[in-house]
Amino acid sequence: MFHSMTHLHNMQTIQSITIPLDTIDNNIGQIPGIPPNPREMSIQEFQKLKASLMRDRAFTAACELKVYPFEGRWVAIGGNMRLRAMRELKWTHAIAKPIPADTPLEQLQRWVILDNAHFGKWDFDKLANEFEVEDIASACINIPYVDTDGLLNAKAEQEGTIKKFIFSPEQAEDIKRILKKAKPHMAKDIVARTGNANSNGNALFTILEQWQPPK
């Protein structure tokens, strides 16, 4: 443990800076010894990424680009797809972490892979039951048994099924609390069974099922 802590103290802290987008290039393999960005996106996924950034621009400050100095410019070692989306959105600046020029090439190679790696796996039942379908779809996450694209595209058509209720502030707080308690008890297949990926709607449905009179 002592050696690990010493290693952490010796690590160089990289401060974020704001960089004009027109000084940042995508990683296409121009740096000798560094392979081009290994990830690709479909046109549909890229459109979702753009919509997601428009909806929550502050995310780019929390999840910065990683850039490396090369021939008087910057090259995106991490965040290439976000960089392309920013350009199409006509943004002029990006928040980025500048990787020191003396970083060994072997380390840069590892960082290119790590920045594009996905460790672990999604718990799709928990994902569908505890997060909003719009957020899931905009993050380009595909739940096997839920047509997130179809749900988003049909959103306008589903407006007719939305029911509005008026509650007092006290009632509203109680309902929020009860729905939150109901979510862990929802059936694992409720999203597939109801065709609804909205966790609040499924929680309410779960509660009402228990009070449904015999047919």
N, C-alpha and C. Protein backbone atom coordinates (compact mmCIF):
# COMPACT_ATOMS: atom_id res chain seq x y z
N MET A 1 0.84 -1.20 0.00
CA MET A 1 0.00 0.00 0.00
C MET A 1 0.86 1.24 0.00
N PHE A 2 2.00 1.21 0.75
CA PHE A 2 2.88 2.36 0.82
C PHE A 2 3.44 2.71 -0.55
N HIS A 3 3.85 1.67 -1.30
CA HIS A 3 4.41 1.92 -2.63
C HIS A 3 3.34 2.49 -3.57
N SER A 4 2.11 2.01 -3.44
CA SER A 4 1.04 2.50 -4.30
C SER A 4 0.78 3.97 -4.05
N MET A 5 0.75 4.37 -2.77
CA MET A 5 0.50 5.76 -2.44
C MET A 5 1.65 6.64 -2.92
N THR A 6 2.89 6.15 -2.80
CA THR A 6 4.03 6.91 -3.28
C THR A 6 3.93 7.13 -4.78
N HIS A 7 3.50 6.08 -5.50
CA HIS A 7 3.35 6.19 -6.94
C HIS A 7 2.30 7.23 -7.30
N LEU A 8 1.22 7.27 -6.53
CA LEU A 8 0.16 8.24 -6.80
C LEU A 8 0.66 9.67 -6.59
N HIS A 9 1.47 9.86 -5.55
CA HIS A 9 1.99 11.20 -5.28
C HIS A 9 2.95 11.64 -6.37
N ASN A 10 3.63 10.70 -7.03
CA ASN A 10 4.58 11.05 -8.07
C ASN A 10 3.92 11.28 -9.42
N MET A 11 2.65 10.96 -9.55
CA MET A 11 1.97 11.15 -10.81
C MET A 11 1.77 12.63 -11.08
N GLN A 12 1.95 13.01 -12.34
CA GLN A 12 1.79 14.41 -12.72
C GLN A 12 0.32 14.74 -12.91
N THR A 13 -0.12 15.82 -12.29
CA THR A 13 -1.50 16.26 -12.44
C THR A 13 -1.63 17.08 -13.72
N ILE A 14 -2.63 16.75 -14.53
CA ILE A 14 -2.87 17.46 -15.79
C ILE A 14 -4.06 18.39 -15.61
N GLN A 15 -3.82 19.67 -15.74
CA GLN A 15 -4.88 20.66 -15.59
C GLN A 15 -5.63 20.86 -16.91
N SER A 16 -6.92 20.98 -16.82
CA SER A 16 -7.74 21.21 -18.01
C SER A 16 -7.55 22.64 -18.52
N ILE A 17 -7.61 22.80 -19.85
CA ILE A 17 -7.52 24.11 -20.46
C ILE A 17 -8.59 24.22 -21.55
N THR A 18 -8.90 25.43 -21.96
CA THR A 18 -9.84 25.66 -23.06
C THR A 18 -9.05 25.90 -24.34
N ILE A 19 -9.38 25.13 -25.39
CA ILE A 19 -8.61 25.18 -26.64
C ILE A 19 -9.55 25.46 -27.81
N PRO A 20 -9.17 26.33 -28.73
CA PRO A 20 -9.99 26.53 -29.94
C PRO A 20 -10.10 25.24 -30.74
N LEU A 21 -11.29 24.94 -31.18
CA LEU A 21 -11.51 23.69 -31.93
C LEU A 21 -10.70 23.64 -33.22
N ASP A 22 -10.46 24.80 -33.83
CA ASP A 22 -9.74 24.78 -35.11
C ASP A 22 -8.25 24.50 -34.95
N THR A 23 -7.81 24.28 -33.71
CA THR A 23 -6.41 23.89 -33.49
C THR A 23 -6.28 22.42 -33.12
N ILE A 24 -7.41 21.70 -33.09
CA ILE A 24 -7.41 20.28 -32.70
C ILE A 24 -7.74 19.42 -33.90
N ASP A 25 -6.92 18.40 -34.15
CA ASP A 25 -7.15 17.46 -35.23
C ASP A 25 -7.59 16.10 -34.67
N ASN A 26 -8.41 15.41 -35.43
CA ASN A 26 -8.74 14.04 -35.06
C ASN A 26 -7.52 13.15 -35.24
N ASN A 27 -7.47 12.10 -34.46
CA ASN A 27 -6.37 11.14 -34.56
C ASN A 27 -6.60 10.22 -35.75
N ILE A 28 -5.83 10.46 -36.83
CA ILE A 28 -5.95 9.63 -38.04
C ILE A 28 -4.66 8.86 -38.29
N GLY A 29 -3.82 8.78 -37.25
CA GLY A 29 -2.56 8.06 -37.40
C GLY A 29 -1.40 8.94 -37.80
N GLN A 30 -1.55 10.27 -37.67
CA GLN A 30 -0.50 11.18 -38.10
C GLN A 30 0.71 11.19 -37.17
N ILE A 31 0.54 10.75 -35.92
CA ILE A 31 1.67 10.69 -35.00
C ILE A 31 2.38 9.36 -35.18
N PRO A 32 3.64 9.36 -35.57
CA PRO A 32 4.38 8.10 -35.77
C PRO A 32 4.34 7.23 -34.52
N GLY A 33 3.93 5.99 -34.70
CA GLY A 33 3.87 5.05 -33.58
C GLY A 33 2.54 5.01 -32.86
N ILE A 34 1.63 5.94 -33.19
CA ILE A 34 0.31 5.97 -32.54
C ILE A 34 -0.74 5.61 -33.57
N PRO A 35 -1.49 4.53 -33.36
CA PRO A 35 -2.51 4.13 -34.33
C PRO A 35 -3.68 5.12 -34.35
N PRO A 36 -4.42 5.17 -35.44
CA PRO A 36 -5.60 6.06 -35.51
C PRO A 36 -6.67 5.62 -34.52
N ASN A 37 -7.60 6.52 -34.27
CA ASN A 37 -8.70 6.21 -33.36
C ASN A 37 -9.39 4.92 -33.78
N PRO A 38 -9.50 3.94 -32.86
CA PRO A 38 -10.01 2.62 -33.23
C PRO A 38 -11.53 2.46 -33.21
N ARG A 39 -12.26 3.51 -32.83
CA ARG A 39 -13.71 3.37 -32.72
C ARG A 39 -14.42 4.02 -33.89
N GLU A 40 -15.56 3.43 -34.26
CA GLU A 40 -16.40 3.97 -35.32
C GLU A 40 -17.83 4.11 -34.80
N MET A 41 -18.59 4.95 -35.47
CA MET A 41 -20.00 5.15 -35.12
C MET A 41 -20.83 5.11 -36.39
N SER A 42 -22.02 4.57 -36.27
CA SER A 42 -22.95 4.66 -37.39
C SER A 42 -23.47 6.08 -37.47
N ILE A 43 -24.08 6.42 -38.60
CA ILE A 43 -24.64 7.76 -38.77
C ILE A 43 -25.69 8.03 -37.69
N GLN A 44 -26.50 7.02 -37.41
CA GLN A 44 -27.55 7.18 -36.41
C GLN A 44 -26.97 7.40 -35.02
N GLU A 45 -25.93 6.65 -34.68
CA GLU A 45 -25.29 6.82 -33.38
C GLU A 45 -24.65 8.20 -33.26
N PHE A 46 -24.06 8.68 -34.36
CA PHE A 46 -23.43 9.99 -34.34
C PHE A 46 -24.47 11.09 -34.13
N GLN A 47 -25.63 10.95 -34.76
CA GLN A 47 -26.70 11.92 -34.56
C GLN A 47 -27.17 11.93 -33.11
N LYS A 48 -27.21 10.75 -32.50
CA LYS A 48 -27.59 10.68 -31.09
C LYS A 48 -26.56 11.38 -30.22
N LEU A 49 -25.27 11.19 -30.55
CA LEU A 49 -24.21 11.85 -29.80
C LEU A 49 -24.36 13.37 -29.88
N LYS A 50 -24.62 13.89 -31.06
CA LYS A 50 -24.80 15.33 -31.22
C LYS A 50 -25.98 15.83 -30.39
N ALA A 51 -27.08 15.08 -30.44
CA ALA A 51 -28.26 15.48 -29.67
C ALA A 51 -27.97 15.47 -28.18
N SER A 52 -27.18 14.48 -27.75
CA SER A 52 -26.84 14.37 -26.34
C SER A 52 -25.98 15.54 -25.89
N LEU A 53 -25.01 15.95 -26.71
CA LEU A 53 -24.15 17.08 -26.35
C LEU A 53 -24.94 18.38 -26.34
N MET A 54 -25.87 18.53 -27.26
CA MET A 54 -26.71 19.73 -27.28
C MET A 54 -27.56 19.81 -26.02
N ARG A 55 -28.01 18.65 -25.58
CA ARG A 55 -28.90 18.60 -24.41
C ARG A 55 -28.13 18.88 -23.12
N ASP A 56 -26.87 18.46 -23.06
CA ASP A 56 -26.10 18.61 -21.82
C ASP A 56 -24.66 18.97 -22.16
N ARG A 57 -24.46 20.21 -22.56
CA ARG A 57 -23.13 20.66 -22.96
C ARG A 57 -22.13 20.60 -21.81
N ALA A 58 -22.60 20.75 -20.58
CA ALA A 58 -21.71 20.73 -19.43
C ALA A 58 -20.97 19.41 -19.29
N PHE A 59 -21.51 18.35 -19.92
CA PHE A 59 -20.84 17.04 -19.84
C PHE A 59 -19.43 17.12 -20.42
N THR A 60 -19.23 17.96 -21.43
CA THR A 60 -17.92 18.05 -22.06
C THR A 60 -16.89 18.69 -21.14
N ALA A 61 -17.34 19.39 -20.10
CA ALA A 61 -16.42 19.94 -19.12
C ALA A 61 -16.03 18.89 -18.09
N ALA A 62 -16.95 17.95 -17.83
CA ALA A 62 -16.66 16.88 -16.87
C ALA A 62 -15.90 15.74 -17.53
N CYS A 63 -16.12 15.56 -18.82
CA CYS A 63 -15.45 14.50 -19.58
C CYS A 63 -14.70 15.15 -20.74
N GLU A 64 -13.51 15.66 -20.44
CA GLU A 64 -12.78 16.46 -21.41
C GLU A 64 -12.16 15.61 -22.52
N LEU A 65 -11.81 16.29 -23.61
CA LEU A 65 -10.98 15.67 -24.63
C LEU A 65 -9.58 15.48 -24.06
N LYS A 66 -8.86 14.49 -24.57
CA LYS A 66 -7.45 14.33 -24.23
C LYS A 66 -6.65 14.63 -25.49
N VAL A 67 -5.80 15.65 -25.43
CA VAL A 67 -5.10 16.10 -26.63
C VAL A 67 -3.59 16.05 -26.43
N TYR A 68 -2.88 15.81 -27.52
CA TYR A 68 -1.43 15.68 -27.49
C TYR A 68 -0.83 16.67 -28.50
N PRO A 69 0.24 17.40 -28.12
CA PRO A 69 0.83 18.37 -29.04
C PRO A 69 1.62 17.68 -30.14
N PHE A 70 1.37 18.10 -31.39
CA PHE A 70 2.08 17.50 -32.52
C PHE A 70 2.17 18.50 -33.66
N GLU A 71 3.40 18.84 -34.02
CA GLU A 71 3.68 19.75 -35.13
C GLU A 71 2.89 21.05 -35.04
N GLY A 72 2.90 21.64 -33.86
CA GLY A 72 2.27 22.93 -33.65
C GLY A 72 0.77 22.91 -33.50
N ARG A 73 0.18 21.72 -33.49
CA ARG A 73 -1.26 21.59 -33.31
C ARG A 73 -1.53 20.58 -32.20
N TRP A 74 -2.82 20.32 -31.97
CA TRP A 74 -3.23 19.31 -31.00
C TRP A 74 -3.86 18.15 -31.74
N VAL A 75 -3.62 16.93 -31.25
CA VAL A 75 -4.26 15.74 -31.80
C VAL A 75 -5.07 15.08 -30.69
N ALA A 76 -6.33 14.77 -30.98
CA ALA A 76 -7.21 14.16 -29.98
C ALA A 76 -6.84 12.70 -29.76
N ILE A 77 -6.27 12.42 -28.62
CA ILE A 77 -5.96 11.04 -28.25
C ILE A 77 -7.19 10.38 -27.65
N GLY A 78 -8.06 11.17 -27.05
CA GLY A 78 -9.32 10.66 -26.49
C GLY A 78 -10.44 11.63 -26.78
N GLY A 79 -11.60 11.11 -27.20
CA GLY A 79 -12.77 11.95 -27.46
C GLY A 79 -12.92 12.35 -28.91
N ASN A 80 -12.45 11.50 -29.84
CA ASN A 80 -12.50 11.84 -31.26
C ASN A 80 -13.92 12.04 -31.77
N MET A 81 -14.85 11.17 -31.37
CA MET A 81 -16.22 11.31 -31.84
C MET A 81 -16.88 12.56 -31.28
N ARG A 82 -16.59 12.87 -30.03
CA ARG A 82 -17.13 14.10 -29.45
C ARG A 82 -16.56 15.32 -30.16
N LEU A 83 -15.30 15.26 -30.54
CA LEU A 83 -14.68 16.36 -31.27
C LEU A 83 -15.39 16.59 -32.61
N ARG A 84 -15.68 15.51 -33.32
CA ARG A 84 -16.40 15.65 -34.59
C ARG A 84 -17.80 16.22 -34.39
N ALA A 85 -18.45 15.76 -33.32
CA ALA A 85 -19.79 16.27 -33.04
C ALA A 85 -19.75 17.76 -32.70
N MET A 86 -18.75 18.18 -31.93
CA MET A 86 -18.61 19.59 -31.58
C MET A 86 -18.44 20.44 -32.83
N ARG A 87 -17.67 19.94 -33.78
CA ARG A 87 -17.45 20.69 -35.02
C ARG A 87 -18.78 20.87 -35.78
N GLU A 88 -19.54 19.79 -35.87
CA GLU A 88 -20.81 19.87 -36.61
C GLU A 88 -21.81 20.77 -35.90
N LEU A 89 -21.66 20.88 -34.59
CA LEU A 89 -22.53 21.76 -33.81
C LEU A 89 -22.06 23.21 -33.85
N LYS A 90 -20.93 23.46 -34.58
CA LYS A 90 -20.38 24.81 -34.75
C LYS A 90 -19.85 25.39 -33.44
N TRP A 91 -19.43 24.51 -32.51
CA TRP A 91 -18.79 25.02 -31.30
C TRP A 91 -17.41 25.54 -31.68
N THR A 92 -16.92 26.50 -30.95
CA THR A 92 -15.62 27.11 -31.28
C THR A 92 -14.50 26.69 -30.34
N HIS A 93 -14.85 26.23 -29.13
CA HIS A 93 -13.83 25.85 -28.16
C HIS A 93 -14.20 24.55 -27.46
N ALA A 94 -13.19 23.89 -26.94
CA ALA A 94 -13.40 22.65 -26.20
C ALA A 94 -12.53 22.66 -24.95
N ILE A 95 -13.05 22.06 -23.90
CA ILE A 95 -12.24 21.88 -22.69
C ILE A 95 -11.47 20.57 -22.84
N ALA A 96 -10.17 20.62 -22.62
CA ALA A 96 -9.33 19.45 -22.87
C ALA A 96 -8.22 19.33 -21.84
N LYS A 97 -7.72 18.12 -21.71
CA LYS A 97 -6.54 17.88 -20.90
C LYS A 97 -5.35 17.70 -21.84
N PRO A 98 -4.36 18.58 -21.76
CA PRO A 98 -3.19 18.47 -22.64
C PRO A 98 -2.19 17.44 -22.12
N ILE A 99 -1.97 16.40 -22.88
CA ILE A 99 -1.02 15.36 -22.49
C ILE A 99 0.39 15.89 -22.72
N PRO A 100 1.28 15.76 -21.72
CA PRO A 100 2.65 16.29 -21.87
C PRO A 100 3.36 15.72 -23.09
N ALA A 101 4.13 16.57 -23.76
CA ALA A 101 4.82 16.17 -24.98
C ALA A 101 5.84 15.07 -24.75
N ASP A 102 6.35 14.95 -23.51
CA ASP A 102 7.36 13.93 -23.23
C ASP A 102 6.76 12.59 -22.80
N THR A 103 5.44 12.44 -22.95
CA THR A 103 4.80 11.16 -22.61
C THR A 103 5.30 10.08 -23.56
N PRO A 104 5.79 8.94 -23.05
CA PRO A 104 6.29 7.87 -23.92
C PRO A 104 5.22 7.37 -24.88
N LEU A 105 5.62 7.01 -26.11
CA LEU A 105 4.68 6.53 -27.11
C LEU A 105 3.93 5.30 -26.65
N GLU A 106 4.62 4.41 -25.92
CA GLU A 106 3.97 3.20 -25.43
C GLU A 106 2.81 3.55 -24.51
N GLN A 107 2.99 4.60 -23.71
CA GLN A 107 1.92 5.02 -22.81
C GLN A 107 0.77 5.64 -23.59
N LEU A 108 1.08 6.43 -24.60
CA LEU A 108 0.03 7.02 -25.44
C LEU A 108 -0.79 5.94 -26.13
N GLN A 109 -0.11 4.89 -26.60
CA GLN A 109 -0.82 3.77 -27.24
C GLN A 109 -1.82 3.15 -26.28
N ARG A 110 -1.38 2.95 -25.04
CA ARG A 110 -2.28 2.35 -24.04
C ARG A 110 -3.46 3.28 -23.77
N TRP A 111 -3.20 4.58 -23.73
CA TRP A 111 -4.28 5.53 -23.42
C TRP A 111 -5.30 5.59 -24.54
N VAL A 112 -4.86 5.46 -25.79
CA VAL A 112 -5.79 5.42 -26.91
C VAL A 112 -6.76 4.25 -26.75
N ILE A 113 -6.22 3.10 -26.34
CA ILE A 113 -7.06 1.92 -26.14
C ILE A 113 -7.97 2.09 -24.92
N LEU A 114 -7.37 2.55 -23.80
CA LEU A 114 -8.14 2.69 -22.56
C LEU A 114 -9.28 3.69 -22.72
N ASP A 115 -9.05 4.77 -23.46
CA ASP A 115 -10.09 5.78 -23.63
C ASP A 115 -11.27 5.25 -24.42
N ASN A 116 -11.04 4.22 -25.21
CA ASN A 116 -12.11 3.64 -26.03
C ASN A 116 -12.60 2.30 -25.50
N ALA A 117 -12.08 1.89 -24.35
CA ALA A 117 -12.44 0.57 -23.80
C ALA A 117 -13.72 0.66 -22.98
N HIS A 118 -14.44 -0.44 -22.93
CA HIS A 118 -15.64 -0.55 -22.10
C HIS A 118 -15.45 -1.74 -21.18
N PHE A 119 -15.24 -1.46 -19.89
CA PHE A 119 -15.05 -2.53 -18.92
C PHE A 119 -16.39 -2.89 -18.28
N GLY A 120 -16.52 -4.16 -17.92
CA GLY A 120 -17.76 -4.62 -17.31
C GLY A 120 -18.86 -4.75 -18.34
N LYS A 121 -20.08 -4.93 -17.87
CA LYS A 121 -21.22 -5.07 -18.77
C LYS A 121 -22.44 -4.41 -18.15
N TRP A 122 -23.39 -4.04 -18.99
CA TRP A 122 -24.59 -3.37 -18.53
C TRP A 122 -25.54 -4.36 -17.86
N ASP A 123 -26.15 -3.94 -16.77
CA ASP A 123 -27.29 -4.65 -16.19
C ASP A 123 -28.51 -4.03 -16.87
N PHE A 124 -28.99 -4.69 -17.95
CA PHE A 124 -30.01 -4.08 -18.78
C PHE A 124 -31.33 -3.90 -18.04
N ASP A 125 -31.68 -4.83 -17.14
CA ASP A 125 -32.92 -4.67 -16.39
C ASP A 125 -32.85 -3.42 -15.51
N LYS A 126 -31.74 -3.27 -14.80
CA LYS A 126 -31.58 -2.11 -13.94
C LYS A 126 -31.53 -0.83 -14.77
N LEU A 127 -30.85 -0.89 -15.89
CA LEU A 127 -30.73 0.28 -16.77
C LEU A 127 -32.11 0.73 -17.25
N ALA A 128 -32.90 -0.22 -17.72
CA ALA A 128 -34.22 0.12 -18.26
C ALA A 128 -35.18 0.57 -17.18
N ASN A 129 -35.05 0.02 -15.98
CA ASN A 129 -36.01 0.32 -14.93
C ASN A 129 -35.67 1.57 -14.13
N GLU A 130 -34.41 2.01 -14.16
CA GLU A 130 -34.01 3.11 -13.29
C GLU A 130 -33.57 4.37 -14.03
N PHE A 131 -33.50 4.32 -15.36
CA PHE A 131 -33.10 5.49 -16.13
C PHE A 131 -34.14 5.76 -17.21
N GLU A 132 -34.19 7.00 -17.66
CA GLU A 132 -35.16 7.39 -18.67
C GLU A 132 -34.71 6.90 -20.05
N VAL A 133 -35.67 6.47 -20.86
CA VAL A 133 -35.35 5.91 -22.16
C VAL A 133 -34.64 6.91 -23.05
N GLU A 134 -35.00 8.21 -22.94
CA GLU A 134 -34.33 9.22 -23.77
C GLU A 134 -32.85 9.29 -23.46
N ASP A 135 -32.49 9.19 -22.16
CA ASP A 135 -31.08 9.24 -21.77
C ASP A 135 -30.35 7.99 -22.23
N ILE A 136 -31.01 6.85 -22.16
CA ILE A 136 -30.39 5.59 -22.60
C ILE A 136 -30.12 5.64 -24.09
N ALA A 137 -31.13 6.06 -24.84
CA ALA A 137 -31.00 6.09 -26.30
C ALA A 137 -29.96 7.10 -26.75
N SER A 138 -29.94 8.28 -26.11
CA SER A 138 -29.00 9.32 -26.53
C SER A 138 -27.57 8.94 -26.21
N ALA A 139 -27.38 8.00 -25.27
CA ALA A 139 -26.04 7.51 -24.95
C ALA A 139 -25.63 6.37 -25.86
N CYS A 140 -26.45 6.06 -26.87
CA CYS A 140 -26.15 5.00 -27.85
C CYS A 140 -26.03 3.63 -27.17
N ILE A 141 -26.85 3.40 -26.15
CA ILE A 141 -26.89 2.11 -25.49
C ILE A 141 -28.12 1.37 -25.98
N ASN A 142 -27.93 0.18 -26.49
CA ASN A 142 -29.05 -0.60 -27.01
C ASN A 142 -29.41 -1.72 -26.04
N ILE A 143 -30.62 -1.64 -25.47
CA ILE A 143 -31.11 -2.69 -24.59
C ILE A 143 -31.70 -3.78 -25.47
N PRO A 144 -31.26 -5.04 -25.33
CA PRO A 144 -31.66 -6.09 -26.27
C PRO A 144 -33.16 -6.22 -26.47
N TYR A 145 -33.96 -6.07 -25.41
CA TYR A 145 -35.39 -6.33 -25.54
C TYR A 145 -36.22 -5.05 -25.58
N VAL A 146 -35.56 -3.90 -25.76
CA VAL A 146 -36.30 -2.64 -25.86
C VAL A 146 -35.85 -1.91 -27.12
N ASP A 147 -36.81 -1.55 -27.96
CA ASP A 147 -36.50 -0.80 -29.17
C ASP A 147 -36.39 0.67 -28.81
N THR A 148 -35.19 1.08 -28.34
CA THR A 148 -35.02 2.46 -27.89
C THR A 148 -35.21 3.43 -29.05
N ASP A 149 -34.77 3.06 -30.23
CA ASP A 149 -34.97 3.93 -31.39
C ASP A 149 -36.46 4.10 -31.67
N GLY A 150 -37.18 2.98 -31.63
CA GLY A 150 -38.60 3.03 -31.89
C GLY A 150 -39.35 3.83 -30.84
N LEU A 151 -38.92 3.69 -29.58
CA LEU A 151 -39.57 4.43 -28.52
C LEU A 151 -39.36 5.92 -28.69
N LEU A 152 -38.15 6.31 -29.09
CA LEU A 152 -37.88 7.73 -29.29
C LEU A 152 -38.65 8.27 -30.48
N ASN A 153 -38.66 7.51 -31.58
CA ASN A 153 -39.34 7.96 -32.78
C ASN A 153 -40.84 8.03 -32.59
N ALA A 154 -41.34 7.17 -31.72
CA ALA A 154 -42.79 7.12 -31.52
C ALA A 154 -43.24 8.02 -30.37
N LYS A 155 -42.31 8.78 -29.83
CA LYS A 155 -42.63 9.59 -28.67
C LYS A 155 -43.82 10.51 -28.93
N ALA A 156 -43.81 11.15 -30.10
CA ALA A 156 -44.90 12.07 -30.42
C ALA A 156 -46.22 11.33 -30.50
N GLU A 157 -46.19 10.10 -31.03
CA GLU A 157 -47.42 9.33 -31.16
C GLU A 157 -47.94 8.89 -29.80
N GLN A 158 -47.03 8.76 -28.83
CA GLN A 158 -47.43 8.28 -27.52
C GLN A 158 -48.00 9.37 -26.63
N GLU A 159 -47.95 10.63 -27.12
CA GLU A 159 -48.43 11.72 -26.27
C GLU A 159 -49.88 11.50 -25.85
N GLY A 160 -50.66 10.84 -26.71
CA GLY A 160 -52.06 10.61 -26.38
C GLY A 160 -52.26 9.67 -25.21
N THR A 161 -51.23 8.91 -24.84
CA THR A 161 -51.37 7.97 -23.74
C THR A 161 -50.91 8.56 -22.41
N ILE A 162 -50.41 9.81 -22.44
CA ILE A 162 -49.96 10.44 -21.21
C ILE A 162 -51.16 10.94 -20.43
N LYS A 163 -51.22 10.57 -19.15
CA LYS A 163 -52.30 11.01 -18.27
C LYS A 163 -51.75 12.03 -17.28
N LYS A 164 -52.45 13.12 -17.10
CA LYS A 164 -52.02 14.15 -16.17
C LYS A 164 -52.90 14.14 -14.92
N PHE A 165 -52.24 14.19 -13.77
CA PHE A 165 -52.94 14.23 -12.51
C PHE A 165 -52.45 15.43 -11.71
N ILE A 166 -53.32 16.02 -10.92
CA ILE A 166 -52.95 17.16 -10.09
C ILE A 166 -52.92 16.72 -8.64
N PHE A 167 -51.79 16.98 -7.98
CA PHE A 167 -51.62 16.61 -6.58
C PHE A 167 -51.20 17.83 -5.77
N SER A 168 -51.50 17.77 -4.51
CA SER A 168 -50.97 18.79 -3.61
C SER A 168 -49.47 18.53 -3.44
N PRO A 169 -48.70 19.52 -2.98
CA PRO A 169 -47.26 19.30 -2.78
C PRO A 169 -46.96 18.12 -1.87
N GLU A 170 -47.78 17.97 -0.82
CA GLU A 170 -47.56 16.85 0.11
C GLU A 170 -47.82 15.51 -0.58
N GLN A 171 -48.89 15.45 -1.38
CA GLN A 171 -49.20 14.23 -2.10
C GLN A 171 -48.10 13.89 -3.10
N ALA A 172 -47.61 14.91 -3.79
CA ALA A 172 -46.57 14.69 -4.79
C ALA A 172 -45.32 14.10 -4.15
N GLU A 173 -44.93 14.60 -2.98
CA GLU A 173 -43.75 14.07 -2.31
C GLU A 173 -43.96 12.63 -1.88
N ASP A 174 -45.17 12.33 -1.39
CA ASP A 174 -45.47 10.96 -0.98
C ASP A 174 -45.41 10.02 -2.19
N ILE A 175 -45.97 10.46 -3.31
CA ILE A 175 -45.98 9.63 -4.52
C ILE A 175 -44.56 9.36 -5.00
N LYS A 176 -43.72 10.40 -5.01
CA LYS A 176 -42.33 10.22 -5.42
C LYS A 176 -41.63 9.19 -4.52
N ARG A 177 -41.89 9.30 -3.22
CA ARG A 177 -41.27 8.38 -2.27
C ARG A 177 -41.74 6.94 -2.50
N ILE A 178 -43.04 6.77 -2.74
CA ILE A 178 -43.61 5.44 -2.95
C ILE A 178 -43.10 4.83 -4.25
N LEU A 179 -43.04 5.63 -5.32
CA LEU A 179 -42.53 5.14 -6.60
C LEU A 179 -41.08 4.69 -6.46
N LYS A 180 -40.31 5.46 -5.71
CA LYS A 180 -38.91 5.11 -5.52
C LYS A 180 -38.77 3.77 -4.79
N LYS A 181 -39.66 3.54 -3.81
CA LYS A 181 -39.64 2.27 -3.08
C LYS A 181 -40.13 1.12 -3.95
N ALA A 182 -41.01 1.42 -4.89
CA ALA A 182 -41.58 0.35 -5.72
C ALA A 182 -40.61 -0.15 -6.78
N LYS A 183 -39.70 0.71 -7.24
CA LYS A 183 -38.82 0.36 -8.35
C LYS A 183 -37.99 -0.91 -8.11
N PRO A 184 -37.41 -1.10 -6.92
CA PRO A 184 -36.63 -2.34 -6.71
C PRO A 184 -37.47 -3.61 -6.74
N HIS A 185 -38.79 -3.47 -6.62
CA HIS A 185 -39.68 -4.64 -6.56
C HIS A 185 -40.36 -4.92 -7.90
N MET A 186 -40.02 -4.16 -8.93
CA MET A 186 -40.63 -4.40 -10.23
C MET A 186 -40.11 -5.71 -10.82
N ALA A 187 -40.97 -6.39 -11.56
CA ALA A 187 -40.56 -7.63 -12.22
C ALA A 187 -39.44 -7.35 -13.20
N LYS A 188 -38.48 -8.28 -13.31
CA LYS A 188 -37.34 -8.07 -14.19
C LYS A 188 -37.75 -7.96 -15.65
N ASP A 189 -38.86 -8.58 -16.01
CA ASP A 189 -39.27 -8.55 -17.41
C ASP A 189 -40.34 -7.49 -17.68
N ILE A 190 -40.51 -6.55 -16.76
CA ILE A 190 -41.62 -5.61 -16.91
C ILE A 190 -41.47 -4.73 -18.16
N VAL A 191 -40.23 -4.37 -18.51
CA VAL A 191 -40.04 -3.54 -19.70
C VAL A 191 -40.45 -4.30 -20.95
N ALA A 192 -40.01 -5.56 -21.03
CA ALA A 192 -40.37 -6.38 -22.20
C ALA A 192 -41.87 -6.68 -22.20
N ARG A 193 -42.44 -6.86 -21.02
CA ARG A 193 -43.86 -7.25 -20.92
C ARG A 193 -44.78 -6.08 -21.24
N THR A 194 -44.40 -4.86 -20.82
CA THR A 194 -45.27 -3.71 -21.02
C THR A 194 -44.90 -2.91 -22.26
N GLY A 195 -43.68 -3.09 -22.75
CA GLY A 195 -43.23 -2.28 -23.88
C GLY A 195 -42.95 -0.85 -23.49
N ASN A 196 -42.80 -0.62 -22.19
CA ASN A 196 -42.58 0.73 -21.68
C ASN A 196 -41.25 0.76 -20.92
N ALA A 197 -40.35 1.67 -21.30
CA ALA A 197 -39.04 1.75 -20.65
C ALA A 197 -38.97 2.87 -19.61
N ASN A 198 -40.10 3.52 -19.33
CA ASN A 198 -40.11 4.59 -18.34
C ASN A 198 -40.24 3.99 -16.94
N SER A 199 -39.24 4.22 -16.10
CA SER A 199 -39.21 3.58 -14.79
C SER A 199 -40.35 4.04 -13.89
N ASN A 200 -40.72 5.33 -13.95
CA ASN A 200 -41.81 5.82 -13.12
C ASN A 200 -43.13 5.20 -13.53
N GLY A 201 -43.34 5.11 -14.85
CA GLY A 201 -44.58 4.50 -15.33
C GLY A 201 -44.67 3.04 -14.93
N ASN A 202 -43.57 2.31 -15.02
CA ASN A 202 -43.58 0.90 -14.64
C ASN A 202 -43.75 0.72 -13.14
N ALA A 203 -43.19 1.62 -12.35
CA ALA A 203 -43.36 1.54 -10.90
C ALA A 203 -44.82 1.74 -10.53
N LEU A 204 -45.46 2.74 -11.16
CA LEU A 204 -46.88 2.98 -10.90
C LEU A 204 -47.71 1.78 -11.35
N PHE A 205 -47.37 1.22 -12.50
CA PHE A 205 -48.09 0.05 -13.01
C PHE A 205 -47.95 -1.12 -12.04
N THR A 206 -46.76 -1.29 -11.48
CA THR A 206 -46.52 -2.37 -10.51
C THR A 206 -47.41 -2.20 -9.29
N ILE A 207 -47.52 -0.97 -8.80
CA ILE A 207 -48.37 -0.70 -7.64
C ILE A 207 -49.83 -0.97 -7.96
N LEU A 208 -50.29 -0.49 -9.11
CA LEU A 208 -51.69 -0.64 -9.48
C LEU A 208 -52.06 -2.10 -9.72
N GLU A 209 -51.10 -2.89 -10.23
CA GLU A 209 -51.37 -4.31 -10.46
C GLU A 209 -51.77 -5.01 -9.16
N GLN A 210 -51.17 -4.58 -8.05
CA GLN A 210 -51.47 -5.21 -6.76
C GLN A 210 -52.87 -4.87 -6.27
N TRP A 211 -53.44 -3.79 -6.78
CA TRP A 211 -54.78 -3.36 -6.36
C TRP A 211 -55.84 -3.64 -7.39
N GLN A 212 -55.43 -4.29 -8.48
CA GLN A 212 -56.38 -4.56 -9.53
C GLN A 212 -57.41 -5.60 -9.08
N PRO A 213 -58.69 -5.29 -9.16
CA PRO A 213 -59.70 -6.28 -8.74
C PRO A 213 -59.75 -7.47 -9.69
N PRO A 214 -60.17 -8.62 -9.22
CA PRO A 214 -60.26 -9.80 -10.09
C PRO A 214 -61.18 -9.54 -11.28
N LYS A 215 -60.76 -10.03 -12.43
CA LYS A 215 -61.59 -9.84 -13.65
C LYS A 215 -62.73 -10.86 -13.68
